[in-house]
PDB file of N, CA and C in Angstrom:
ATOM      1  N   MET A   1      94.294 119.719 126.923  1.00  0.00           N
ATOM      2  CA  MET A   1      94.120 121.102 126.842  1.00  0.00           C
ATOM      3  C   MET A   1      92.578 121.176 126.765  1.00  0.00           C
ATOM      4  N   ILE A   2      92.198 122.211 127.536  1.00  0.00           N
ATOM      5  CA  ILE A   2      90.650 122.878 127.459  1.00  0.00           C
ATOM      6  C   ILE A   2      90.659 123.941 126.792  1.00  0.00           C
ATOM      7  N   PRO A   3      89.810 124.167 125.812  1.00  0.00           N
ATOM      8  CA  PRO A   3      89.795 125.776 125.386  1.00  0.00           C
ATOM      9  C   PRO A   3      89.293 126.668 126.228  1.00  0.00           C
ATOM     10  N   THR A   4      89.797 128.095 126.110  1.00  0.00           N
ATOM     11  CA  THR A   4      89.301 128.930 127.095  1.00  0.00           C
ATOM     12  C   THR A   4      88.164 129.485 126.252  1.00  0.00           C
ATOM     13  N   PRO A   5      87.564 130.395 127.049  1.00  0.00           N
ATOM     14  CA  PRO A   5      86.338 131.251 126.709  1.00  0.00           C
ATOM     15  C   PRO A   5      86.918 132.096 125.259  1.00  0.00           C
ATOM     16  N   GLU A   6      87.967 132.796 125.656  1.00  0.00           N
ATOM     17  CA  GLU A   6      88.640 133.673 124.612  1.00  0.00           C
ATOM     18  C   GLU A   6      88.933 132.715 123.259  1.00  0.00           C
ATOM     19  N   HIS A   7      89.580 131.719 123.486  1.00  0.00           N
ATOM     20  CA  HIS A   7      89.828 130.547 122.322  1.00  0.00           C
ATOM     21  C   HIS A   7      88.472 130.380 121.496  1.00  0.00           C
ATOM     22  N   ASN A   8      87.349 129.984 122.331  1.00  0.00           N
ATOM     23  CA  ASN A   8      86.080 129.617 121.777  1.00  0.00           C
ATOM     24  C   ASN A   8      85.642 130.916 120.882  1.00  0.00           C
ATOM     25  N   GLU A   9      85.717 132.009 121.529  1.00  0.00           N
ATOM     26  CA  GLU A   9      85.202 133.417 120.866  1.00  0.00           C
ATOM     27  C   GLU A   9      86.014 133.435 119.626  1.00  0.00           C
ATOM     28  N   ARG A  10      87.194 133.298 119.678  1.00  0.00           N
ATOM     29  CA  ARG A  10      88.372 133.565 118.433  1.00  0.00           C
ATOM     30  C   ARG A  10      87.727 132.394 117.438  1.00  0.00           C
ATOM     31  N   MET A  11      87.542 131.123 117.881  1.00  0.00           N
ATOM     32  CA  MET A  11      87.129 130.145 116.734  1.00  0.00           C
ATOM     33  C   MET A  11      85.678 130.601 116.205  1.00  0.00           C
ATOM     34  N   ALA A  12      84.867 131.132 116.814  1.00  0.00           N
ATOM     35  CA  ALA A  12      83.443 131.522 116.507  1.00  0.00           C
ATOM     36  C   ALA A  12      83.549 132.589 115.484  1.00  0.00           C
ATOM     37  N   LYS A  13      84.451 133.614 115.772  1.00  0.00           N
ATOM     38  CA  LYS A  13      84.578 134.798 114.611  1.00  0.00           C
ATOM     39  C   LYS A  13      85.414 134.491 113.558  1.00  0.00           C
ATOM     40  N   MET A  14      86.309 133.509 113.475  1.00  0.00           N
ATOM     41  CA  MET A  14      87.256 133.257 112.297  1.00  0.00           C
ATOM     42  C   MET A  14      86.287 132.800 111.159  1.00  0.00           C
ATOM     43  N   THR A  15      86.609 133.424 109.989  1.00  0.00           N
ATOM     44  CA  THR A  15      85.833 133.037 108.911  1.00  0.00           C
ATOM     45  C   THR A  15      86.351 131.991 108.220  1.00  0.00           C
ATOM     46  N   PHE A  16      85.395 131.137 107.495  1.00  0.00           N
ATOM     47  CA  PHE A  16      85.610 129.751 106.944  1.00  0.00           C
ATOM     48  C   PHE A  16      86.420 130.346 105.632  1.00  0.00           C
ATOM     49  N   ALA A  17      86.246 131.388 105.053  1.00  0.00           N
ATOM     50  CA  ALA A  17      86.953 131.782 103.695  1.00  0.00           C
ATOM     51  C   ALA A  17      88.455 132.001 104.220  1.00  0.00           C
ATOM     52  N   SER A  18      88.660 132.412 105.259  1.00  0.00           N
ATOM     53  CA  SER A  18      90.177 132.535 105.857  1.00  0.00           C
ATOM     54  C   SER A  18      91.031 131.090 105.978  1.00  0.00           C
ATOM     55  N   VAL A  19      90.151 130.248 106.400  1.00  0.00           N
ATOM     56  CA  VAL A  19      90.704 128.971 106.732  1.00  0.00           C
ATOM     57  C   VAL A  19      90.715 127.995 105.464  1.00  0.00           C
ATOM     58  N   TYR A  20      89.927 128.008 104.757  1.00  0.00           N
ATOM     59  CA  TYR A  20      89.622 127.166 103.540  1.00  0.00           C
ATOM     60  C   TYR A  20      90.768 127.097 102.562  1.00  0.00           C
ATOM     61  N   PRO A  21      91.469 128.150 102.156  1.00  0.00           N
ATOM     62  CA  PRO A  21      92.903 127.878 101.407  1.00  0.00           C
ATOM     63  C   PRO A  21      93.687 127.090 102.134  1.00  0.00           C
ATOM     64  N   HIS A  22      93.839 127.158 103.273  1.00  0.00           N
ATOM     65  CA  HIS A  22      94.759 126.369 104.099  1.00  0.00           C
ATOM     66  C   HIS A  22      94.439 124.897 104.009  1.00  0.00           C
ATOM     67  N   TYR A  23      93.053 124.530 104.143  1.00  0.00           N
ATOM     68  CA  TYR A  23      92.615 123.200 103.909  1.00  0.00           C
ATOM     69  C   TYR A  23      93.159 122.573 102.651  1.00  0.00           C
ATOM     70  N   VAL A  24      92.834 123.549 101.642  1.00  0.00           N
ATOM     71  CA  VAL A  24      93.338 123.039 100.294  1.00  0.00           C
ATOM     72  C   VAL A  24      94.689 122.854  99.994  1.00  0.00           C
ATOM     73  N   ALA A  25      95.415 123.702 100.659  1.00  0.00           N
ATOM     74  CA  ALA A  25      96.952 123.526 100.582  1.00  0.00           C
ATOM     75  C   ALA A  25      97.398 122.358 101.274  1.00  0.00           C
ATOM     76  N   LYS A  26      96.858 122.038 102.241  1.00  0.00           N
ATOM     77  CA  LYS A  26      97.306 120.934 103.173  1.00  0.00           C
ATOM     78  C   LYS A  26      96.980 119.726 102.483  1.00  0.00           C
ATOM     79  N   VAL A  27      95.567 119.425 101.962  1.00  0.00           N
ATOM     80  CA  VAL A  27      95.255 118.237 101.243  1.00  0.00           C
ATOM     81  C   VAL A  27      96.007 118.037  99.953  1.00  0.00           C
ATOM     82  N   GLU A  28      96.088 119.105  99.203  1.00  0.00           N
ATOM     83  CA  GLU A  28      96.764 119.206  97.858  1.00  0.00           C
ATOM     84  C   GLU A  28      98.447 118.733  98.135  1.00  0.00           C
ATOM     85  N   LYS A  29      98.833 119.454  99.032  1.00  0.00           N
ATOM     86  CA  LYS A  29     100.322 119.038  99.302  1.00  0.00           C
ATOM     87  C   LYS A  29     100.615 117.492  99.573  1.00  0.00           C
ATOM     88  N   LYS A  30      99.556 116.766 100.034  1.00  0.00           N
ATOM     89  CA  LYS A  30      99.646 115.382 100.372  1.00  0.00           C
ATOM     90  C   LYS A  30      98.991 114.594  99.018  1.00  0.00           C
ATOM     91  N   ASP A  31      98.941 115.090  97.852  1.00  0.00           N
ATOM     92  CA  ASP A  31      98.257 114.414  96.769  1.00  0.00           C
ATOM     93  C   ASP A  31      96.953 114.176  97.113  1.00  0.00           C
ATOM     94  N   ARG A  32      96.174 114.799  97.650  1.00  0.00           N
ATOM     95  CA  ARG A  32      94.654 114.662  97.857  1.00  0.00           C
ATOM     96  C   ARG A  32      94.208 115.832  97.065  1.00  0.00           C
ATOM     97  N   THR A  33      92.770 115.835  96.619  1.00  0.00           N
ATOM     98  CA  THR A  33      92.270 116.550  95.745  1.00  0.00           C
ATOM     99  C   THR A  33      91.127 117.567  96.540  1.00  0.00           C
ATOM    100  N   LYS A  34      91.018 118.684  96.025  1.00  0.00           N
ATOM    101  CA  LYS A  34      89.868 119.561  96.322  1.00  0.00           C
ATOM    102  C   LYS A  34      88.562 119.004  96.307  1.00  0.00           C
ATOM    103  N   GLU A  35      88.410 118.021  95.202  1.00  0.00           N
ATOM    104  CA  GLU A  35      87.111 117.396  95.256  1.00  0.00           C
ATOM    105  C   GLU A  35      86.987 116.461  96.533  1.00  0.00           C
ATOM    106  N   GLU A  36      88.133 115.980  96.803  1.00  0.00           N
ATOM    107  CA  GLU A  36      87.940 114.980  98.189  1.00  0.00           C
ATOM    108  C   GLU A  36      87.758 115.911  99.424  1.00  0.00           C
ATOM    109  N   LEU A  37      88.272 117.220  99.255  1.00  0.00           N
ATOM    110  CA  LEU A  37      88.145 117.936 100.703  1.00  0.00           C
ATOM    111  C   LEU A  37      86.628 118.257 100.667  1.00  0.00           C
ATOM    112  N   HIS A  38      85.897 118.655  99.497  1.00  0.00           N
ATOM    113  CA  HIS A  38      84.627 119.024  99.515  1.00  0.00           C
ATOM    114  C   HIS A  38      83.815 117.765  99.885  1.00  0.00           C
ATOM    115  N   GLU A  39      84.167 116.649  99.501  1.00  0.00           N
ATOM    116  CA  GLU A  39      83.513 115.462  99.915  1.00  0.00           C
ATOM    117  C   GLU A  39      83.491 115.213 101.344  1.00  0.00           C
ATOM    118  N   VAL A  40      84.560 115.504 102.028  1.00  0.00           N
ATOM    119  CA  VAL A  40      84.473 115.671 103.537  1.00  0.00           C
ATOM    120  C   VAL A  40      83.629 116.505 104.059  1.00  0.00           C
ATOM    121  N   ILE A  41      83.790 117.872 103.517  1.00  0.00           N
ATOM    122  CA  ILE A  41      82.908 118.896 104.153  1.00  0.00           C
ATOM    123  C   ILE A  41      81.505 118.732 103.853  1.00  0.00           C
ATOM    124  N   THR A  42      81.067 117.886 102.733  1.00  0.00           N
ATOM    125  CA  THR A  42      79.695 117.734 102.506  1.00  0.00           C
ATOM    126  C   THR A  42      79.225 116.571 103.418  1.00  0.00           C
ATOM    127  N   TRP A  43      80.106 115.662 103.709  1.00  0.00           N
ATOM    128  CA  TRP A  43      79.690 114.647 104.608  1.00  0.00           C
ATOM    129  C   TRP A  43      79.346 115.232 106.095  1.00  0.00           C
ATOM    130  N   LEU A  44      80.266 115.981 106.295  1.00  0.00           N
ATOM    131  CA  LEU A  44      80.113 116.543 107.962  1.00  0.00           C
ATOM    132  C   LEU A  44      78.947 117.585 107.779  1.00  0.00           C
ATOM    133  N   THR A  45      78.888 118.411 106.980  1.00  0.00           N
ATOM    134  CA  THR A  45      77.955 119.590 106.934  1.00  0.00           C
ATOM    135  C   THR A  45      76.562 119.441 106.083  1.00  0.00           C
ATOM    136  N   GLY A  46      76.448 118.913 105.110  1.00  0.00           N
ATOM    137  CA  GLY A  46      75.503 118.676 104.236  1.00  0.00           C
ATOM    138  C   GLY A  46      75.681 119.625 103.138  1.00  0.00           C
ATOM    139  N   PHE A  47      76.635 120.453 103.149  1.00  0.00           N
ATOM    140  CA  PHE A  47      76.578 121.554 101.967  1.00  0.00           C
ATOM    141  C   PHE A  47      77.178 120.935 100.688  1.00  0.00           C
ATOM    142  N   ASP A  48      76.588 121.364  99.584  1.00  0.00           N
ATOM    143  CA  ASP A  48      77.178 120.778  98.298  1.00  0.00           C
ATOM    144  C   ASP A  48      78.052 121.722  97.888  1.00  0.00           C
ATOM    145  N   ASP A  49      78.717 121.550  96.821  1.00  0.00           N
ATOM    146  CA  ASP A  49      79.860 122.416  96.194  1.00  0.00           C
ATOM    147  C   ASP A  49      79.272 123.825  95.961  1.00  0.00           C
ATOM    148  N   GLU A  50      78.317 124.147  95.556  1.00  0.00           N
ATOM    149  CA  GLU A  50      77.675 125.374  95.320  1.00  0.00           C
ATOM    150  C   GLU A  50      77.500 126.065  96.784  1.00  0.00           C
ATOM    151  N   LYS A  51      76.973 125.442  97.754  1.00  0.00           N
ATOM    152  CA  LYS A  51      76.820 126.008  98.994  1.00  0.00           C
ATOM    153  C   LYS A  51      78.245 126.426  99.689  1.00  0.00           C
ATOM    154  N   ILE A  52      79.007 125.630  99.617  1.00  0.00           N
ATOM    155  CA  ILE A  52      80.572 125.747  99.965  1.00  0.00           C
ATOM    156  C   ILE A  52      80.964 127.126  99.448  1.00  0.00           C
ATOM    157  N   GLN A  53      80.926 127.311  98.166  1.00  0.00           N
ATOM    158  CA  GLN A  53      81.411 128.321  97.529  1.00  0.00           C
ATOM    159  C   GLN A  53      80.616 129.576  97.879  1.00  0.00           C
ATOM    160  N   THR A  54      79.475 129.649  98.228  1.00  0.00           N
ATOM    161  CA  THR A  54      78.578 130.602  98.524  1.00  0.00           C
ATOM    162  C   THR A  54      79.201 131.223  99.813  1.00  0.00           C
ATOM    163  N   LEU A  55      79.315 130.308 100.814  1.00  0.00           N
ATOM    164  CA  LEU A  55      79.768 130.566 102.280  1.00  0.00           C
ATOM    165  C   LEU A  55      81.262 131.226 102.083  1.00  0.00           C
ATOM    166  N   ILE A  56      82.012 130.572 101.123  1.00  0.00           N
ATOM    167  CA  ILE A  56      83.429 131.339 101.251  1.00  0.00           C
ATOM    168  C   ILE A  56      83.072 132.737 100.645  1.00  0.00           C
ATOM    169  N   ASP A  57      82.327 132.886  99.411  1.00  0.00           N
ATOM    170  CA  ASP A  57      82.375 134.150  98.945  1.00  0.00           C
ATOM    171  C   ASP A  57      81.474 135.114  99.838  1.00  0.00           C
ATOM    172  N   GLU A  58      80.723 134.767 100.756  1.00  0.00           N
ATOM    173  CA  GLU A  58      80.005 135.624 101.744  1.00  0.00           C
ATOM    174  C   GLU A  58      80.852 135.825 102.872  1.00  0.00           C
ATOM    175  N   LYS A  59      82.133 135.122 102.995  1.00  0.00           N
ATOM    176  CA  LYS A  59      82.872 135.423 104.326  1.00  0.00           C
ATOM    177  C   LYS A  59      82.235 135.131 105.491  1.00  0.00           C
ATOM    178  N   VAL A  60      81.214 134.104 105.766  1.00  0.00           N
ATOM    179  CA  VAL A  60      80.637 133.681 106.893  1.00  0.00           C
ATOM    180  C   VAL A  60      81.760 133.248 107.982  1.00  0.00           C
ATOM    181  N   THR A  61      81.344 133.547 109.093  1.00  0.00           N
ATOM    182  CA  THR A  61      82.128 133.092 110.426  1.00  0.00           C
ATOM    183  C   THR A  61      81.962 131.686 110.502  1.00  0.00           C
ATOM    184  N   PHE A  62      82.854 130.952 111.385  1.00  0.00           N
ATOM    185  CA  PHE A  62      82.585 129.620 111.750  1.00  0.00           C
ATOM    186  C   PHE A  62      81.310 129.459 112.465  1.00  0.00           C
ATOM    187  N   GLU A  63      80.770 130.315 113.105  1.00  0.00           N
ATOM    188  CA  GLU A  63      79.558 130.451 113.859  1.00  0.00           C
ATOM    189  C   GLU A  63      78.421 130.395 112.986  1.00  0.00           C
ATOM    190  N   GLN A  64      78.471 131.097 111.822  1.00  0.00           N
ATOM    191  CA  GLN A  64      77.399 131.238 110.786  1.00  0.00           C
ATOM    192  C   GLN A  64      77.475 129.704 110.120  1.00  0.00           C
ATOM    193  N   PHE A  65      78.737 129.589 109.704  1.00  0.00           N
ATOM    194  CA  PHE A  65      78.927 128.278 109.052  1.00  0.00           C
ATOM    195  C   PHE A  65      78.139 126.923 109.423  1.00  0.00           C
ATOM    196  N   PHE A  66      78.505 126.780 110.623  1.00  0.00           N
ATOM    197  CA  PHE A  66      78.014 125.660 111.493  1.00  0.00           C
ATOM    198  C   PHE A  66      76.455 126.053 111.802  1.00  0.00           C
ATOM    199  N   ALA A  67      76.005 127.133 111.910  1.00  0.00           N
ATOM    200  CA  ALA A  67      74.557 127.427 112.216  1.00  0.00           C
ATOM    201  C   ALA A  67      73.703 127.021 111.132  1.00  0.00           C
ATOM    202  N   HIS A  68      74.272 126.989 109.833  1.00  0.00           N
ATOM    203  CA  HIS A  68      73.516 126.537 108.686  1.00  0.00           C
ATOM    204  C   HIS A  68      73.552 124.982 108.331  1.00  0.00           C
ATOM    205  N   ALA A  69      74.723 124.395 109.018  1.00  0.00           N
ATOM    206  CA  ALA A  69      75.091 123.157 108.648  1.00  0.00           C
ATOM    207  C   ALA A  69      73.942 122.079 109.327  1.00  0.00           C
ATOM    208  N   LYS A  70      73.819 120.993 108.726  1.00  0.00           N
ATOM    209  CA  LYS A  70      73.065 119.833 109.334  1.00  0.00           C
ATOM    210  C   LYS A  70      74.474 118.826 109.472  1.00  0.00           C
ATOM    211  N   LEU A  71      74.650 118.691 110.745  1.00  0.00           N
ATOM    212  CA  LEU A  71      75.944 117.990 110.991  1.00  0.00           C
ATOM    213  C   LEU A  71      75.547 116.350 110.935  1.00  0.00           C
ATOM    214  N   HIS A  72      76.297 115.641 110.322  1.00  0.00           N
ATOM    215  CA  HIS A  72      76.018 114.207 110.063  1.00  0.00           C
ATOM    216  C   HIS A  72      75.828 113.531 111.301  1.00  0.00           C
ATOM    217  N   PRO A  73      74.827 112.481 111.543  1.00  0.00           N
ATOM    218  CA  PRO A  73      74.555 111.831 112.680  1.00  0.00           C
ATOM    219  C   PRO A  73      75.974 111.256 113.237  1.00  0.00           C
ATOM    220  N   ASN A  74      77.026 110.738 112.478  1.00  0.00           N
ATOM    221  CA  ASN A  74      77.921 110.037 113.007  1.00  0.00           C
ATOM    222  C   ASN A  74      79.142 111.033 113.191  1.00  0.00           C
ATOM    223  N   ALA A  75      78.931 112.271 113.510  1.00  0.00           N
ATOM    224  CA  ALA A  75      80.031 113.198 113.473  1.00  0.00           C
ATOM    225  C   ALA A  75      80.596 113.142 115.028  1.00  0.00           C
ATOM    226  N   GLU A  76      79.848 112.548 115.976  1.00  0.00           N
ATOM    227  CA  GLU A  76      80.292 112.386 117.317  1.00  0.00           C
ATOM    228  C   GLU A  76      81.239 111.219 117.321  1.00  0.00           C
ATOM    229  N   MET A  77      81.343 110.468 116.304  1.00  0.00           N
ATOM    230  CA  MET A  77      82.336 109.268 116.378  1.00  0.00           C
ATOM    231  C   MET A  77      83.704 109.716 115.759  1.00  0.00           C
ATOM    232  N   ILE A  78      83.840 111.049 115.574  1.00  0.00           N
ATOM    233  CA  ILE A  78      85.193 111.743 115.168  1.00  0.00           C
ATOM    234  C   ILE A  78      85.872 112.197 116.752  1.00  0.00           C
ATOM    235  N   THR A  79      86.931 111.240 116.987  1.00  0.00           N
ATOM    236  CA  THR A  79      87.687 111.368 118.358  1.00  0.00           C
ATOM    237  C   THR A  79      89.186 111.620 117.733  1.00  0.00           C
ATOM    238  N   GLY A  80      89.996 111.869 118.975  1.00  0.00           N
ATOM    239  CA  GLY A  80      91.343 111.909 118.737  1.00  0.00           C
ATOM    240  C   GLY A  80      91.751 113.465 119.141  1.00  0.00           C
ATOM    241  N   THR A  81      92.990 113.656 118.816  1.00  0.00           N
ATOM    242  CA  THR A  81      93.690 114.923 119.060  1.00  0.00           C
ATOM    243  C   THR A  81      93.670 115.735 118.047  1.00  0.00           C
ATOM    244  N   ILE A  82      93.462 116.967 117.912  1.00  0.00           N
ATOM    245  CA  ILE A  82      93.856 117.922 117.166  1.00  0.00           C
ATOM    246  C   ILE A  82      94.119 119.121 117.553  1.00  0.00           C
ATOM    247  N   CYS A  83      95.275 119.652 117.051  1.00  0.00           N
ATOM    248  CA  CYS A  83      96.119 121.161 117.706  1.00  0.00           C
ATOM    249  C   CYS A  83      95.980 121.006 118.999  1.00  0.00           C
ATOM    250  N   GLY A  84      96.324 119.914 119.450  1.00  0.00           N
ATOM    251  CA  GLY A  84      96.624 119.780 120.918  1.00  0.00           C
ATOM    252  C   GLY A  84      95.253 119.552 121.947  1.00  0.00           C
ATOM    253  N   TYR A  85      94.095 119.721 121.303  1.00  0.00           N
ATOM    254  CA  TYR A  85      92.829 119.451 122.016  1.00  0.00           C
ATOM    255  C   TYR A  85      92.298 118.066 121.633  1.00  0.00           C
ATOM    256  N   LYS A  86      91.715 117.350 122.764  1.00  0.00           N
ATOM    257  CA  LYS A  86      91.179 116.025 122.484  1.00  0.00           C
ATOM    258  C   LYS A  86      89.710 116.357 122.028  1.00  0.00           C
ATOM    259  N   ILE A  87      89.113 116.198 121.094  1.00  0.00           N
ATOM    260  CA  ILE A  87      87.911 116.521 120.468  1.00  0.00           C
ATOM    261  C   ILE A  87      86.780 115.961 121.472  1.00  0.00           C
ATOM    262  N   GLN A  88      86.918 114.852 121.927  1.00  0.00           N
ATOM    263  CA  GLN A  88      85.665 114.368 123.022  1.00  0.00           C
ATOM    264  C   GLN A  88      85.645 115.093 124.045  1.00  0.00           C
ATOM    265  N   GLU A  89      86.618 115.863 124.499  1.00  0.00           N
ATOM    266  CA  GLU A  89      86.911 116.742 125.724  1.00  0.00           C
ATOM    267  C   GLU A  89      86.508 118.197 125.627  1.00  0.00           C
ATOM    268  N   ILE A  90      86.167 118.656 124.389  1.00  0.00           N
ATOM    269  CA  ILE A  90      85.903 119.950 124.216  1.00  0.00           C
ATOM    270  C   ILE A  90      84.334 120.176 124.335  1.00  0.00           C
ATOM    271  N   ALA A  91      84.032 121.128 125.452  1.00  0.00           N
ATOM    272  CA  ALA A  91      82.707 121.384 125.815  1.00  0.00           C
ATOM    273  C   ALA A  91      81.839 122.198 125.071  1.00  0.00           C
ATOM    274  N   ASN A  92      82.441 123.330 124.550  1.00  0.00           N
ATOM    275  CA  ASN A  92      81.761 124.279 123.760  1.00  0.00           C
ATOM    276  C   ASN A  92      81.435 123.590 122.145  1.00  0.00           C
ATOM    277  N   PRO A  93      80.096 123.429 121.772  1.00  0.00           N
ATOM    278  CA  PRO A  93      79.544 122.741 120.636  1.00  0.00           C
ATOM    279  C   PRO A  93      80.214 123.322 119.397  1.00  0.00           C
ATOM    280  N   LEU A  94      80.361 124.747 119.289  1.00  0.00           N
ATOM    281  CA  LEU A  94      80.918 125.113 118.214  1.00  0.00           C
ATOM    282  C   LEU A  94      82.399 124.926 118.124  1.00  0.00           C
ATOM    283  N   THR A  95      82.989 124.975 119.047  1.00  0.00           N
ATOM    284  CA  THR A  95      84.572 124.652 119.023  1.00  0.00           C
ATOM    285  C   THR A  95      84.720 123.284 118.660  1.00  0.00           C
ATOM    286  N   LYS A  96      83.868 122.434 119.144  1.00  0.00           N
ATOM    287  CA  LYS A  96      83.938 120.956 118.801  1.00  0.00           C
ATOM    288  C   LYS A  96      83.614 120.624 117.152  1.00  0.00           C
ATOM    289  N   GLN A  97      82.786 121.455 116.703  1.00  0.00           N
ATOM    290  CA  GLN A  97      82.312 121.254 115.418  1.00  0.00           C
ATOM    291  C   GLN A  97      83.384 121.780 114.336  1.00  0.00           C
ATOM    292  N   VAL A  98      84.009 122.769 114.838  1.00  0.00           N
ATOM    293  CA  VAL A  98      85.232 123.201 114.019  1.00  0.00           C
ATOM    294  C   VAL A  98      86.429 122.395 114.023  1.00  0.00           C
ATOM    295  N   ARG A  99      86.604 121.743 115.413  1.00  0.00           N
ATOM    296  CA  ARG A  99      87.619 120.606 115.519  1.00  0.00           C
ATOM    297  C   ARG A  99      87.209 119.495 114.689  1.00  0.00           C
ATOM    298  N   TYR A 100      86.092 119.096 114.703  1.00  0.00           N
ATOM    299  CA  TYR A 100      85.614 117.857 113.813  1.00  0.00           C
ATOM    300  C   TYR A 100      86.012 118.114 112.438  1.00  0.00           C
ATOM    301  N   LEU A 101      85.895 119.131 111.838  1.00  0.00           N
ATOM    302  CA  LEU A 101      86.382 119.558 110.579  1.00  0.00           C
ATOM    303  C   LEU A 101      87.724 119.548 110.316  1.00  0.00           C
ATOM    304  N   ASP A 102      88.618 120.072 111.282  1.00  0.00           N
ATOM    305  CA  ASP A 102      89.839 120.249 111.346  1.00  0.00           C
ATOM    306  C   ASP A 102      90.639 118.704 111.401  1.00  0.00           C
ATOM    307  N   LYS A 103      89.801 117.793 112.038  1.00  0.00           N
ATOM    308  CA  LYS A 103      90.393 116.290 112.133  1.00  0.00           C
ATOM    309  C   LYS A 103      90.052 115.851 110.921  1.00  0.00           C
ATOM    310  N   LEU A 104      88.876 115.725 110.115  1.00  0.00           N
ATOM    311  CA  LEU A 104      88.662 115.427 109.028  1.00  0.00           C
ATOM    312  C   LEU A 104      89.677 115.772 107.911  1.00  0.00           C
ATOM    313  N   VAL A 105      90.108 117.046 107.801  1.00  0.00           N
ATOM    314  CA  VAL A 105      90.805 117.572 106.895  1.00  0.00           C
ATOM    315  C   VAL A 105      92.283 116.726 107.069  1.00  0.00           C
ATOM    316  N   ASP A 106      92.611 116.790 108.436  1.00  0.00           N
ATOM    317  CA  ASP A 106      93.883 116.094 108.963  1.00  0.00           C
ATOM    318  C   ASP A 106      93.984 114.739 108.485  1.00  0.00           C
ATOM    319  N   GLU A 107      92.863 113.992 108.627  1.00  0.00           N
ATOM    320  CA  GLU A 107      92.966 112.503 108.288  1.00  0.00           C
ATOM    321  C   GLU A 107      93.028 112.183 106.712  1.00  0.00           C
ATOM    322  N   LEU A 108      92.338 113.247 105.844  1.00  0.00           N
ATOM    323  CA  LEU A 108      92.579 113.206 104.462  1.00  0.00           C
ATOM    324  C   LEU A 108      94.000 113.561 104.188  1.00  0.00           C
ATOM    325  N   ALA A 109      94.538 114.547 104.772  1.00  0.00           N
ATOM    326  CA  ALA A 109      95.915 114.851 104.167  1.00  0.00           C
ATOM    327  C   ALA A 109      97.151 113.868 104.752  1.00  0.00           C
ATOM    328  N   LYS A 110      96.540 112.968 105.554  1.00  0.00           N
ATOM    329  CA  LYS A 110      97.289 111.908 106.311  1.00  0.00           C
ATOM    330  C   LYS A 110      97.290 110.566 105.193  1.00  0.00           C
ATOM    331  N   GLY A 111      96.381 110.803 104.304  1.00  0.00           N
ATOM    332  CA  GLY A 111      96.039 109.520 103.423  1.00  0.00           C
ATOM    333  C   GLY A 111      95.099 108.462 103.834  1.00  0.00           C
ATOM    334  N   LYS A 112      94.499 108.935 104.960  1.00  0.00           N
ATOM    335  CA  LYS A 112      93.529 107.860 105.383  1.00  0.00           C
ATOM    336  C   LYS A 112      92.584 107.491 104.147  1.00  0.00           C
ATOM    337  N   LYS A 113      91.858 106.488 103.997  1.00  0.00           N
ATOM    338  CA  LYS A 113      90.912 106.254 103.123  1.00  0.00           C
ATOM    339  C   LYS A 113      89.643 106.826 103.436  1.00  0.00           C
ATOM    340  N   MET A 114      88.998 107.135 102.299  1.00  0.00           N
ATOM    341  CA  MET A 114      87.765 107.911 102.406  1.00  0.00           C
ATOM    342  C   MET A 114      86.781 107.186 102.912  1.00  0.00           C
ATOM    343  N   GLU A 115      86.517 105.935 103.007  1.00  0.00           N
ATOM    344  CA  GLU A 115      85.537 105.247 103.751  1.00  0.00           C
ATOM    345  C   GLU A 115      85.917 105.043 105.435  1.00  0.00           C
ATOM    346  N   LYS A 116      87.174 105.171 105.799  1.00  0.00           N
ATOM    347  CA  LYS A 116      87.370 105.381 107.021  1.00  0.00           C
ATOM    348  C   LYS A 116      87.249 106.764 107.691  1.00  0.00           C
ATOM    349  N   ILE A 117      87.504 107.850 106.775  1.00  0.00           N
ATOM    350  CA  ILE A 117      87.471 109.178 107.239  1.00  0.00           C
ATOM    351  C   ILE A 117      85.670 109.339 107.410  1.00  0.00           C
ATOM    352  N   LEU A 118      84.808 109.138 106.213  1.00  0.00           N
ATOM    353  CA  LEU A 118      83.609 109.178 106.440  1.00  0.00           C
ATOM    354  C   LEU A 118      82.702 108.006 107.287  1.00  0.00           C
ATOM    355  N   ARG A 119      83.082 108.054 108.410  1.00  0.00           N
ATOM    356  CA  ARG A 119      82.590 107.198 109.181  1.00  0.00           C
ATOM    357  C   ARG A 119      81.375 106.572 109.119  1.00  0.00           C
TER     358      ARG A 119
END
């Protein structure tokens, strides 16, 4: 599946704060911790715990979230399918970045070892 322009726009305008509780619930349901989730977010974006909380409090959009992020140089090694989309086939950079984060959260929830997740 290739994301449509409408899908890309919806992803850009979605707030990180609206999705974050779902990330926490997903990982905690699988006996992973919020701290591990933050480790994954920090690896991908460079944000520390304080910055993550600030971005949640400010209700930034994913567009704003990733505009401030310093993506890890190995982020492009994140491949596979998430939500029906092959990450490596997504052309829109922002949508690809959001799917990178989704994929890392998914891998954490599936019980992958942290050293495998943090490529």
